[in-house]
């Protein structure tokens, strides 16, 4: 049977009892798989990798080494938050790697989305290989927060960096205990493992990060404009009480410019695209009808506070036919 294929008769995990049974099953499976070997975990700080971290800590304890790579494509303040939560609050065995310049140099001039995803995926592996060598003992396993929609979409839609974006010469055996679960099931598992609610309900963030939201060829100035505009959007959604009520929301900034007028003179700057969706399993998604006053406030702040942005638009496309991310 294909190990990446969810059995048709697999019961959806919706209750604490089902979550507990799944955890017990995966703890045993992980122990059987890795033995006494050390495991590196690609820890983004999102719900998927966080749940895998908690599950593996339960299974193998200090054999787990969590590696958080700041690829320069994180949201504003995100890497600092990851370090605080996992190192200072959860006492995880955490390694922080700032590889920002390394990733951005490799992505310079690359516009095609699949090429960007594969560059990011391959370089992640190179970083993990380097960290594995630093551990001293041989590390044979790489853990990832891969979930079932990643696998499904990588078969003909877009290569997720942790699936279709992995290099052919991968030196690790993968450990992916939640790869047959949907996002809502992962959250149930997280609660049963005792993760903080804020972490369990954290909105999804793609592994390639802002790399697939800085549309087209990434430049440092446009990436910074995107980071600031996205921070404003998240700040205003929180102030409006929409955290946990809208499943995912973010800004994308494309690599073309629009004509505007700023201080009485022509401004040739980027548009910012607001994307918000509601979904259960990430396979289909609907666009919420946001309050008009909220959209106007977000627009006013982005135009006033973010250099290089002269227009703000709201994406009304459901999934399908659009995907949640633009790239």
C-alpha atoms as a PDB file:
ATOM      1  CA  UNK A   1       0.000   0.000   0.000  1.00  0.00           C
ATOM      2  CA  UNK A   2       1.233   3.515  -0.840  1.00  0.00           C
ATOM      3  CA  UNK A   3       2.490   5.027   2.452  1.00  0.00           C
ATOM      4  CA  UNK A   4       1.531   8.502   1.178  1.00  0.00           C
ATOM      5  CA  UNK A   5      -2.072   7.472   0.488  1.00  0.00           C
ATOM      6  CA  UNK A   6      -4.667   7.960   3.216  1.00  0.00           C
ATOM      7  CA  UNK A   7      -6.737   4.760   3.591  1.00  0.00           C
ATOM      8  CA  UNK A   8     -10.320   5.277   2.456  1.00  0.00           C
ATOM      9  CA  UNK A   9     -11.638   3.788   5.698  1.00  0.00           C
ATOM     10  CA  UNK A  10      -9.431   5.918   7.959  1.00  0.00           C
ATOM     11  CA  UNK A  11     -11.640   7.596  10.562  1.00  0.00           C
ATOM     12  CA  UNK A  12     -11.351  11.365  10.826  1.00  0.00           C
ATOM     13  CA  UNK A  13      -9.806  12.469  14.118  1.00  0.00           C
ATOM     14  CA  UNK A  14     -12.393  14.709  15.726  1.00  0.00           C
ATOM     15  CA  UNK A  15     -12.393  13.771  19.429  1.00  0.00           C
ATOM     16  CA  UNK A  16      -9.843  13.608  22.263  1.00  0.00           C
ATOM     17  CA  UNK A  17     -10.297   9.834  22.386  1.00  0.00           C
ATOM     18  CA  UNK A  18      -9.411   9.388  18.716  1.00  0.00           C
ATOM     19  CA  UNK A  19      -6.521  11.834  19.111  1.00  0.00           C
ATOM     20  CA  UNK A  20      -5.156   9.904  22.097  1.00  0.00           C
ATOM     21  CA  UNK A  21      -5.289   6.631  20.173  1.00  0.00           C
ATOM     22  CA  UNK A  22      -3.507   8.217  17.206  1.00  0.00           C
ATOM     23  CA  UNK A  23      -0.789   9.645  19.476  1.00  0.00           C
ATOM     24  CA  UNK A  24      -0.178   6.273  21.136  1.00  0.00           C
ATOM     25  CA  UNK A  25       0.033   4.613  17.721  1.00  0.00           C
ATOM     26  CA  UNK A  26       2.470   7.175  16.342  1.00  0.00           C
ATOM     27  CA  UNK A  27       4.656   7.187  19.471  1.00  0.00           C
ATOM     28  CA  UNK A  28       5.192   3.470  19.006  1.00  0.00           C
ATOM     29  CA  UNK A  29       5.721   3.859  15.259  1.00  0.00           C
ATOM     30  CA  UNK A  30       8.315   6.615  15.741  1.00  0.00           C
ATOM     31  CA  UNK A  31      10.201   4.625  18.371  1.00  0.00           C
ATOM     32  CA  UNK A  32      10.266   1.610  16.068  1.00  0.00           C
ATOM     33  CA  UNK A  33      11.440   3.738  13.150  1.00  0.00           C
ATOM     34  CA  UNK A  34      14.251   5.740  14.772  1.00  0.00           C
ATOM     35  CA  UNK A  35      15.455   3.486  17.585  1.00  0.00           C
ATOM     36  CA  UNK A  36      18.150   5.315  19.553  1.00  0.00           C
ATOM     37  CA  UNK A  37      19.110   7.636  16.665  1.00  0.00           C
ATOM     38  CA  UNK A  38      18.895  11.419  16.832  1.00  0.00           C
ATOM     39  CA  UNK A  39      16.231  13.162  14.772  1.00  0.00           C
ATOM     40  CA  UNK A  40      16.342  16.648  13.275  1.00  0.00           C
ATOM     41  CA  UNK A  41      12.998  18.436  13.064  1.00  0.00           C
ATOM     42  CA  UNK A  42      12.360  21.254  10.636  1.00  0.00           C
ATOM     43  CA  UNK A  43      10.569  23.591  13.068  1.00  0.00           C
ATOM     44  CA  UNK A  44       8.877  26.536  11.408  1.00  0.00           C
ATOM     45  CA  UNK A  45       6.768  27.383  14.462  1.00  0.00           C
ATOM     46  CA  UNK A  46       3.514  26.698  12.642  1.00  0.00           C
ATOM     47  CA  UNK A  47       0.919  24.287  13.971  1.00  0.00           C
ATOM     48  CA  UNK A  48       2.035  21.303  11.863  1.00  0.00           C
ATOM     49  CA  UNK A  49       5.710  21.304  12.855  1.00  0.00           C
ATOM     50  CA  UNK A  50       4.827  22.300  16.436  1.00  0.00           C
ATOM     51  CA  UNK A  51       2.522  19.300  16.802  1.00  0.00           C
ATOM     52  CA  UNK A  52       5.200  17.032  15.343  1.00  0.00           C
ATOM     53  CA  UNK A  53       7.703  18.499  17.830  1.00  0.00           C
ATOM     54  CA  UNK A  54       5.410  17.768  20.779  1.00  0.00           C
ATOM     55  CA  UNK A  55       4.669  14.269  19.478  1.00  0.00           C
ATOM     56  CA  UNK A  56       8.351  13.447  18.974  1.00  0.00           C
ATOM     57  CA  UNK A  57       9.331  14.836  22.372  1.00  0.00           C
ATOM     58  CA  UNK A  58       6.764  12.454  23.847  1.00  0.00           C
ATOM     59  CA  UNK A  59       8.187   9.592  21.783  1.00  0.00           C
ATOM     60  CA  UNK A  60      11.960  10.123  21.934  1.00  0.00           C
ATOM     61  CA  UNK A  61      12.672  13.056  24.264  1.00  0.00           C
ATOM     62  CA  UNK A  62      16.145  14.574  23.920  1.00  0.00           C
ATOM     63  CA  UNK A  63      16.901  12.506  20.839  1.00  0.00           C
ATOM     64  CA  UNK A  64      14.964  15.229  19.033  1.00  0.00           C
ATOM     65  CA  UNK A  65      16.857  18.304  17.853  1.00  0.00           C
ATOM     66  CA  UNK A  66      14.547  21.089  16.657  1.00  0.00           C
ATOM     67  CA  UNK A  67      16.119  23.302  14.000  1.00  0.00           C
ATOM     68  CA  UNK A  68      14.515  26.639  13.206  1.00  0.00           C
ATOM     69  CA  UNK A  69      15.921  28.151  10.022  1.00  0.00           C
ATOM     70  CA  UNK A  70      15.319  31.846   9.469  1.00  0.00           C
ATOM     71  CA  UNK A  71      15.419  31.929   5.679  1.00  0.00           C
ATOM     72  CA  UNK A  72      14.753  35.652   5.539  1.00  0.00           C
ATOM     73  CA  UNK A  73      11.186  34.946   4.433  1.00  0.00           C
ATOM     74  CA  UNK A  74       9.518  34.909   7.853  1.00  0.00           C
ATOM     75  CA  UNK A  75       6.770  37.291   8.939  1.00  0.00           C
ATOM     76  CA  UNK A  76       7.707  40.277  11.064  1.00  0.00           C
ATOM     77  CA  UNK A  77       8.969  39.155  14.497  1.00  0.00           C
ATOM     78  CA  UNK A  78       8.222  35.500  13.790  1.00  0.00           C
ATOM     79  CA  UNK A  79      11.637  33.923  14.296  1.00  0.00           C
ATOM     80  CA  UNK A  80      12.023  35.771  17.593  1.00  0.00           C
ATOM     81  CA  UNK A  81       8.648  34.380  18.704  1.00  0.00           C
ATOM     82  CA  UNK A  82       9.617  30.830  17.735  1.00  0.00           C
ATOM     83  CA  UNK A  83      12.805  31.026  19.782  1.00  0.00           C
ATOM     84  CA  UNK A  84      10.957  32.425  22.798  1.00  0.00           C
ATOM     85  CA  UNK A  85       8.173  29.826  22.790  1.00  0.00           C
ATOM     86  CA  UNK A  86      10.198  26.702  22.088  1.00  0.00           C
ATOM     87  CA  UNK A  87      13.465  27.483  23.831  1.00  0.00           C
ATOM     88  CA  UNK A  88      12.391  29.613  26.757  1.00  0.00           C
ATOM     89  CA  UNK A  89       8.881  28.320  27.452  1.00  0.00           C
ATOM     90  CA  UNK A  90       8.864  24.696  26.268  1.00  0.00           C
ATOM     91  CA  UNK A  91      12.539  23.932  26.961  1.00  0.00           C
ATOM     92  CA  UNK A  92      12.967  22.269  23.588  1.00  0.00           C
ATOM     93  CA  UNK A  93      16.372  21.236  22.271  1.00  0.00           C
ATOM     94  CA  UNK A  94      16.391  24.111  19.767  1.00  0.00           C
ATOM     95  CA  UNK A  95      19.013  25.227  17.260  1.00  0.00           C
ATOM     96  CA  UNK A  96      18.448  28.628  15.623  1.00  0.00           C
ATOM     97  CA  UNK A  97      20.068  29.222  12.236  1.00  0.00           C
ATOM     98  CA  UNK A  98      20.013  32.641  10.541  1.00  0.00           C
ATOM     99  CA  UNK A  99      20.450  31.807   6.859  1.00  0.00           C
ATOM    100  CA  UNK A 100      18.638  34.862   5.496  1.00  0.00           C
ATOM    101  CA  UNK A 101      21.316  36.130   3.143  1.00  0.00           C
ATOM    102  CA  UNK A 102      22.109  32.635   1.930  1.00  0.00           C
ATOM    103  CA  UNK A 103      18.523  31.971   0.819  1.00  0.00           C
ATOM    104  CA  UNK A 104      17.920  35.419  -0.658  1.00  0.00           C
ATOM    105  CA  UNK A 105      21.120  35.206  -2.699  1.00  0.00           C
ATOM    106  CA  UNK A 106      20.024  31.864  -4.165  1.00  0.00           C
ATOM    107  CA  UNK A 107      16.574  33.260  -4.998  1.00  0.00           C
ATOM    108  CA  UNK A 108      17.911  36.395  -6.674  1.00  0.00           C
ATOM    109  CA  UNK A 109      16.368  36.689 -10.141  1.00  0.00           C
ATOM    110  CA  UNK A 110      14.216  33.533  -9.800  1.00  0.00           C
ATOM    111  CA  UNK A 111      10.591  34.268 -10.757  1.00  0.00           C
ATOM    112  CA  UNK A 112       8.989  30.877 -11.474  1.00  0.00           C
ATOM    113  CA  UNK A 113       7.052  29.675  -8.387  1.00  0.00           C
ATOM    114  CA  UNK A 114       8.015  25.999  -8.648  1.00  0.00           C
ATOM    115  CA  UNK A 115      11.667  26.935  -9.077  1.00  0.00           C
ATOM    116  CA  UNK A 116      11.509  29.089  -5.943  1.00  0.00           C
ATOM    117  CA  UNK A 117       9.879  26.311  -3.923  1.00  0.00           C
ATOM    118  CA  UNK A 118      12.485  23.789  -5.031  1.00  0.00           C
ATOM    119  CA  UNK A 119      15.393  26.133  -4.293  1.00  0.00           C
ATOM    120  CA  UNK A 120      14.004  26.783  -0.811  1.00  0.00           C
ATOM    121  CA  UNK A 121      13.318  23.076  -0.198  1.00  0.00           C
ATOM    122  CA  UNK A 122      16.763  21.995  -1.379  1.00  0.00           C
ATOM    123  CA  UNK A 123      18.579  24.660   0.627  1.00  0.00           C
ATOM    124  CA  UNK A 124      16.646  23.718   3.758  1.00  0.00           C
ATOM    125  CA  UNK A 125      18.055  20.228   3.379  1.00  0.00           C
ATOM    126  CA  UNK A 126      21.596  21.569   2.914  1.00  0.00           C
ATOM    127  CA  UNK A 127      21.212  23.559   6.151  1.00  0.00           C
ATOM    128  CA  UNK A 128      19.924  20.492   7.994  1.00  0.00           C
ATOM    129  CA  UNK A 129      22.801  18.394   6.682  1.00  0.00           C
ATOM    130  CA  UNK A 130      25.239  20.971   8.061  1.00  0.00           C
ATOM    131  CA  UNK A 131      23.485  21.010  11.433  1.00  0.00           C
ATOM    132  CA  UNK A 132      23.489  17.203  11.486  1.00  0.00           C
ATOM    133  CA  UNK A 133      27.271  17.197  11.088  1.00  0.00           C
ATOM    134  CA  UNK A 134      27.579  19.662  13.970  1.00  0.00           C
ATOM    135  CA  UNK A 135      25.662  17.308  16.287  1.00  0.00           C
ATOM    136  CA  UNK A 136      28.625  14.951  16.259  1.00  0.00           C
ATOM    137  CA  UNK A 137      26.789  11.644  16.252  1.00  0.00           C
ATOM    138  CA  UNK A 138      25.305  10.425  12.996  1.00  0.00           C
ATOM    139  CA  UNK A 139      21.822  11.780  12.334  1.00  0.00           C
ATOM    140  CA  UNK A 140      19.809   9.617   9.978  1.00  0.00           C
ATOM    141  CA  UNK A 141      16.313  11.081  10.291  1.00  0.00           C
ATOM    142  CA  UNK A 142      14.645  14.322   9.261  1.00  0.00           C
ATOM    143  CA  UNK A 143      11.220  15.026  10.776  1.00  0.00           C
ATOM    144  CA  UNK A 144       8.780  17.316   9.010  1.00  0.00           C
ATOM    145  CA  UNK A 145       5.310  18.715   9.642  1.00  0.00           C
ATOM    146  CA  UNK A 146       4.031  17.374   6.318  1.00  0.00           C
ATOM    147  CA  UNK A 147       0.244  16.977   6.220  1.00  0.00           C
ATOM    148  CA  UNK A 148      -2.038  15.306   3.682  1.00  0.00           C
ATOM    149  CA  UNK A 149      -2.991  18.414   1.644  1.00  0.00           C
ATOM    150  CA  UNK A 150       0.754  18.992   1.039  1.00  0.00           C
ATOM    151  CA  UNK A 151       0.985  15.536  -0.547  1.00  0.00           C
ATOM    152  CA  UNK A 152      -2.209  15.921  -2.577  1.00  0.00           C
ATOM    153  CA  UNK A 153      -1.305  19.341  -3.971  1.00  0.00           C
ATOM    154  CA  UNK A 154       2.256  18.277  -4.788  1.00  0.00           C
ATOM    155  CA  UNK A 155       0.771  15.735  -7.200  1.00  0.00           C
ATOM    156  CA  UNK A 156       0.042  18.063 -10.093  1.00  0.00           C
ATOM    157  CA  UNK A 157      -0.900  21.390  -8.450  1.00  0.00           C
ATOM    158  CA  UNK A 158       2.270  22.813  -6.891  1.00  0.00           C
ATOM    159  CA  UNK A 159       5.313  21.278  -5.266  1.00  0.00           C
ATOM    160  CA  UNK A 160       5.322  21.936  -1.534  1.00  0.00           C
ATOM    161  CA  UNK A 161       8.912  22.510  -0.441  1.00  0.00           C
ATOM    162  CA  UNK A 162       8.689  19.554   1.967  1.00  0.00           C
ATOM    163  CA  UNK A 163       7.315  17.143  -0.656  1.00  0.00           C
ATOM    164  CA  UNK A 164       7.999  17.884  -4.324  1.00  0.00           C
ATOM    165  CA  UNK A 165      10.708  20.384  -3.398  1.00  0.00           C
ATOM    166  CA  UNK A 166      13.032  17.877  -1.710  1.00  0.00           C
ATOM    167  CA  UNK A 167      16.345  17.187  -3.462  1.00  0.00           C
ATOM    168  CA  UNK A 168      16.915  13.877  -5.235  1.00  0.00           C
ATOM    169  CA  UNK A 169      20.066  13.204  -3.197  1.00  0.00           C
ATOM    170  CA  UNK A 170      18.347  13.494   0.190  1.00  0.00           C
ATOM    171  CA  UNK A 171      20.619  11.930   2.827  1.00  0.00           C
ATOM    172  CA  UNK A 172      17.945  11.545   5.512  1.00  0.00           C
ATOM    173  CA  UNK A 173      15.127   9.102   6.104  1.00  0.00           C
ATOM    174  CA  UNK A 174      11.943  11.089   6.609  1.00  0.00           C
ATOM    175  CA  UNK A 175       9.882  10.921   9.803  1.00  0.00           C
ATOM    176  CA  UNK A 176       6.429  12.401   9.142  1.00  0.00           C
ATOM    177  CA  UNK A 177       3.942  11.227  11.780  1.00  0.00           C
ATOM    178  CA  UNK A 178       1.029  13.485  10.717  1.00  0.00           C
ATOM    179  CA  UNK A 179       1.406  13.203   6.943  1.00  0.00           C
ATOM    180  CA  UNK A 180      -1.976  11.473   6.490  1.00  0.00           C
ATOM    181  CA  UNK A 181      -3.898  14.078   8.510  1.00  0.00           C
ATOM    182  CA  UNK A 182      -5.825  17.163   7.467  1.00  0.00           C
ATOM    183  CA  UNK A 183      -5.207  20.510   9.166  1.00  0.00           C
ATOM    184  CA  UNK A 184      -8.265  20.288  11.434  1.00  0.00           C
ATOM    185  CA  UNK A 185      -7.142  16.841  12.650  1.00  0.00           C
ATOM    186  CA  UNK A 186      -3.647  18.165  13.415  1.00  0.00           C
ATOM    187  CA  UNK A 187      -5.203  20.810  15.664  1.00  0.00           C
ATOM    188  CA  UNK A 188      -7.131  18.134  17.602  1.00  0.00           C
ATOM    189  CA  UNK A 189      -3.860  16.223  18.080  1.00  0.00           C
ATOM    190  CA  UNK A 190      -2.133  19.390  19.271  1.00  0.00           C
ATOM    191  CA  UNK A 191      -4.734  20.036  21.929  1.00  0.00           C
ATOM    192  CA  UNK A 192      -4.479  16.456  23.167  1.00  0.00           C
ATOM    193  CA  UNK A 193      -0.700  16.872  23.421  1.00  0.00           C
ATOM    194  CA  UNK A 194      -1.227  19.924  25.627  1.00  0.00           C
ATOM    195  CA  UNK A 195       0.058  22.633  23.304  1.00  0.00           C
ATOM    196  CA  UNK A 196      -1.117  26.194  24.097  1.00  0.00           C
ATOM    197  CA  UNK A 197      -4.337  27.142  22.326  1.00  0.00           C
ATOM    198  CA  UNK A 198      -2.657  30.101  20.669  1.00  0.00           C
ATOM    199  CA  UNK A 199      -0.175  27.742  19.078  1.00  0.00           C
ATOM    200  CA  UNK A 200      -2.781  25.174  18.057  1.00  0.00           C
ATOM    201  CA  UNK A 201      -4.956  27.833  16.403  1.00  0.00           C
ATOM    202  CA  UNK A 202      -2.058  29.671  14.795  1.00  0.00           C
ATOM    203  CA  UNK A 203      -2.980  30.366  11.205  1.00  0.00           C
ATOM    204  CA  UNK A 204      -1.117  28.396   8.542  1.00  0.00           C
ATOM    205  CA  UNK A 205       2.134  29.744   7.139  1.00  0.00           C
ATOM    206  CA  UNK A 206       3.760  28.044   4.149  1.00  0.00           C
ATOM    207  CA  UNK A 207       7.219  26.532   4.518  1.00  0.00           C
ATOM    208  CA  UNK A 208       8.629  28.838   1.823  1.00  0.00           C
ATOM    209  CA  UNK A 209       7.153  31.690   3.857  1.00  0.00           C
ATOM    210  CA  UNK A 210       6.954  35.089   2.245  1.00  0.00           C
ATOM    211  CA  UNK A 211       8.881  33.636  -0.687  1.00  0.00           C
ATOM    212  CA  UNK A 212       5.577  32.562  -2.247  1.00  0.00           C
ATOM    213  CA  UNK A 213       3.859  35.815  -1.281  1.00  0.00           C
ATOM    214  CA  UNK A 214       6.541  38.086  -2.712  1.00  0.00           C
ATOM    215  CA  UNK A 215       5.259  37.123  -6.142  1.00  0.00           C
ATOM    216  CA  UNK A 216       7.698  36.608  -8.970  1.00  0.00           C
ATOM    217  CA  UNK A 217      11.375  37.456  -8.584  1.00  0.00           C
ATOM    218  CA  UNK A 218      12.088  38.412  -4.957  1.00  0.00           C
ATOM    219  CA  UNK A 219      13.791  41.702  -4.192  1.00  0.00           C
ATOM    220  CA  UNK A 220      14.790  42.804  -0.713  1.00  0.00           C
ATOM    221  CA  UNK A 221      12.904  46.115  -0.866  1.00  0.00           C
ATOM    222  CA  UNK A 222       9.662  44.510  -2.046  1.00  0.00           C
ATOM    223  CA  UNK A 223      10.066  41.727   0.514  1.00  0.00           C
ATOM    224  CA  UNK A 224      10.357  44.322   3.278  1.00  0.00           C
ATOM    225  CA  UNK A 225       7.267  46.155   1.998  1.00  0.00           C
ATOM    226  CA  UNK A 226       5.392  42.847   2.041  1.00  0.00           C
ATOM    227  CA  UNK A 227       6.550  42.076   5.589  1.00  0.00           C
ATOM    228  CA  UNK A 228       5.344  45.460   6.875  1.00  0.00           C
ATOM    229  CA  UNK A 229       2.015  45.351   5.015  1.00  0.00           C
ATOM    230  CA  UNK A 230       1.338  41.823   6.314  1.00  0.00           C
ATOM    231  CA  UNK A 231       2.087  42.940   9.879  1.00  0.00           C
ATOM    232  CA  UNK A 232      -0.467  45.752   9.547  1.00  0.00           C
ATOM    233  CA  UNK A 233      -3.088  43.322   8.236  1.00  0.00           C
ATOM    234  CA  UNK A 234      -2.535  40.911  11.141  1.00  0.00           C
ATOM    235  CA  UNK A 235      -2.567  43.780  13.641  1.00  0.00           C
ATOM    236  CA  UNK A 236      -5.905  45.090  12.361  1.00  0.00           C
ATOM    237  CA  UNK A 237      -7.500  41.625  12.177  1.00  0.00           C
ATOM    238  CA  UNK A 238      -6.512  41.079  15.810  1.00  0.00           C
ATOM    239  CA  UNK A 239      -7.910  44.472  16.843  1.00  0.00           C
ATOM    240  CA  UNK A 240     -11.180  43.634  15.064  1.00  0.00           C
ATOM    241  CA  UNK A 241     -11.499  40.332  16.966  1.00  0.00           C
ATOM    242  CA  UNK A 242     -11.041  38.187  13.868  1.00  0.00           C
ATOM    243  CA  UNK A 243      -8.217  36.004  15.171  1.00  0.00           C
ATOM    244  CA  UNK A 244      -9.533  32.448  15.206  1.00  0.00           C
ATOM    245  CA  UNK A 245     -12.623  33.500  13.248  1.00  0.00           C
ATOM    246  CA  UNK A 246     -10.952  33.824   9.847  1.00  0.00           C
ATOM    247  CA  UNK A 247      -8.880  30.743   9.062  1.00  0.00           C
ATOM    248  CA  UNK A 248      -6.050  32.453   7.202  1.00  0.00           C
ATOM    249  CA  UNK A 249      -5.253  35.988   6.074  1.00  0.00           C
ATOM    250  CA  UNK A 250      -2.161  37.524   4.542  1.00  0.00           C
ATOM    251  CA  UNK A 251      -0.782  39.977   2.005  1.00  0.00           C
ATOM    252  CA  UNK A 252       0.940  39.223  -1.294  1.00  0.00           C
ATOM    253  CA  UNK A 253       2.910  41.775  -3.291  1.00  0.00           C
ATOM    254  CA  UNK A 254       3.448  41.092  -7.032  1.00  0.00           C
ATOM    255  CA  UNK A 255       6.504  42.031  -9.055  1.00  0.00           C
ATOM    256  CA  UNK A 256       4.770  44.667 -11.166  1.00  0.00           C
ATOM    257  CA  UNK A 257       3.985  48.282 -10.410  1.00  0.00           C
ATOM    258  CA  UNK A 258       0.923  50.475 -10.730  1.00  0.00           C
ATOM    259  CA  UNK A 259       0.614  54.211 -11.257  1.00  0.00           C
ATOM    260  CA  UNK A 260      -0.532  56.272  -8.291  1.00  0.00           C
ATOM    261  CA  UNK A 261      -0.331  59.828  -6.986  1.00  0.00           C
ATOM    262  CA  UNK A 262       1.551  60.620  -3.779  1.00  0.00           C
ATOM    263  CA  UNK A 263       1.961  64.185  -2.490  1.00  0.00           C
ATOM    264  CA  UNK A 264       0.786  65.561  -5.809  1.00  0.00           C
ATOM    265  CA  UNK A 265       3.312  63.707  -7.948  1.00  0.00           C
ATOM    266  CA  UNK A 266       3.277  60.438  -9.868  1.00  0.00           C
ATOM    267  CA  UNK A 267       4.062  57.334  -7.814  1.00  0.00           C
ATOM    268  CA  UNK A 268       4.972  54.143  -9.685  1.00  0.00           C
ATOM    269  CA  UNK A 269       4.740  51.563  -6.876  1.00  0.00           C
ATOM    270  CA  UNK A 270       3.536  48.049  -6.042  1.00  0.00           C
ATOM    271  CA  UNK A 271       0.000  46.902  -5.260  1.00  0.00           C
ATOM    272  CA  UNK A 272      -0.686  44.903  -2.096  1.00  0.00           C
ATOM    273  CA  UNK A 273      -3.156  42.018  -2.398  1.00  0.00           C
ATOM    274  CA  UNK A 274      -5.130  41.035   0.704  1.00  0.00           C
ATOM    275  CA  UNK A 275      -6.102  37.351   0.833  1.00  0.00           C
ATOM    276  CA  UNK A 276      -8.449  35.921   3.483  1.00  0.00           C
ATOM    277  CA  UNK A 277     -10.105  32.482   3.462  1.00  0.00           C
ATOM    278  CA  UNK A 278     -12.193  30.195   5.622  1.00  0.00           C
ATOM    279  CA  UNK A 279     -11.844  26.419   5.350  1.00  0.00           C
ATOM    280  CA  UNK A 280     -11.915  23.208   7.378  1.00  0.00           C
ATOM    281  CA  UNK A 281      -9.413  20.954   5.652  1.00  0.00           C
ATOM    282  CA  UNK A 282      -7.592  23.364   3.271  1.00  0.00           C
ATOM    283  CA  UNK A 283      -8.870  21.431   0.248  1.00  0.00           C
ATOM    284  CA  UNK A 284     -11.680  23.923  -0.427  1.00  0.00           C
ATOM    285  CA  UNK A 285     -11.971  27.490   0.828  1.00  0.00           C
ATOM    286  CA  UNK A 286     -14.409  30.406   0.800  1.00  0.00           C
ATOM    287  CA  UNK A 287     -13.683  34.129   1.010  1.00  0.00           C
ATOM    288  CA  UNK A 288     -15.264  35.934   4.003  1.00  0.00           C
ATOM    289  CA  UNK A 289     -17.224  39.155   3.564  1.00  0.00           C
ATOM    290  CA  UNK A 290     -15.084  41.537   5.584  1.00  0.00           C
ATOM    291  CA  UNK A 291     -16.430  44.707   7.112  1.00  0.00           C
ATOM    292  CA  UNK A 292     -15.998  47.596   4.666  1.00  0.00           C
ATOM    293  CA  UNK A 293     -14.731  49.953   7.370  1.00  0.00           C
ATOM    294  CA  UNK A 294     -12.060  47.410   8.335  1.00  0.00           C
ATOM    295  CA  UNK A 295     -10.856  47.079   4.739  1.00  0.00           C
ATOM    296  CA  UNK A 296     -10.690  50.861   4.407  1.00  0.00           C
ATOM    297  CA  UNK A 297      -8.702  51.152   7.655  1.00  0.00           C
ATOM    298  CA  UNK A 298      -6.221  48.479   6.591  1.00  0.00           C
ATOM    299  CA  UNK A 299      -5.865  50.157   3.206  1.00  0.00           C
ATOM    300  CA  UNK A 300      -5.256  53.576   4.750  1.00  0.00           C
ATOM    301  CA  UNK A 301      -2.587  52.236   7.095  1.00  0.00           C
ATOM    302  CA  UNK A 302      -0.727  50.297   4.411  1.00  0.00           C
ATOM    303  CA  UNK A 303      -0.721  53.267   2.033  1.00  0.00           C
ATOM    304  CA  UNK A 304       0.445  55.639   4.773  1.00  0.00           C
ATOM    305  CA  UNK A 305       2.969  53.411   6.548  1.00  0.00           C
ATOM    306  CA  UNK A 306       4.542  51.152   3.928  1.00  0.00           C
ATOM    307  CA  UNK A 307       6.977  52.725   1.454  1.00  0.00           C
ATOM    308  CA  UNK A 308       6.563  51.429  -2.087  1.00  0.00           C
ATOM    309  CA  UNK A 309       2.861  50.454  -1.901  1.00  0.00           C
ATOM    310  CA  UNK A 310       0.336  52.609  -3.785  1.00  0.00           C
ATOM    311  CA  UNK A 311      -2.691  50.315  -4.144  1.00  0.00           C
ATOM    312  CA  UNK A 312      -4.511  47.733  -2.000  1.00  0.00           C
ATOM    313  CA  UNK A 313      -6.898  45.103  -3.422  1.00  0.00           C
ATOM    314  CA  UNK A 314      -8.963  42.264  -1.920  1.00  0.00           C
ATOM    315  CA  UNK A 315      -8.865  38.826  -3.570  1.00  0.00           C
ATOM    316  CA  UNK A 316     -12.383  37.348  -3.877  1.00  0.00           C
ATOM    317  CA  UNK A 317     -11.387  34.012  -5.462  1.00  0.00           C
ATOM    318  CA  UNK A 318     -12.541  30.796  -3.692  1.00  0.00           C
ATOM    319  CA  UNK A 319     -10.676  27.462  -3.765  1.00  0.00           C
ATOM    320  CA  UNK A 320     -11.156  25.949  -6.255  1.00  0.00           C
ATOM    321  CA  UNK A 321     -10.465  27.464  -8.736  1.00  0.00           C
ATOM    322  CA  UNK A 322      -7.824  29.507  -6.972  1.00  0.00           C
ATOM    323  CA  UNK A 323      -5.431  27.977  -4.462  1.00  0.00           C
ATOM    324  CA  UNK A 324      -5.085  29.585  -1.044  1.00  0.00           C
ATOM    325  CA  UNK A 325      -1.607  30.896  -1.825  1.00  0.00           C
ATOM    326  CA  UNK A 326      -0.974  32.798  -5.056  1.00  0.00           C
ATOM    327  CA  UNK A 327       2.126  30.755  -5.852  1.00  0.00           C
END
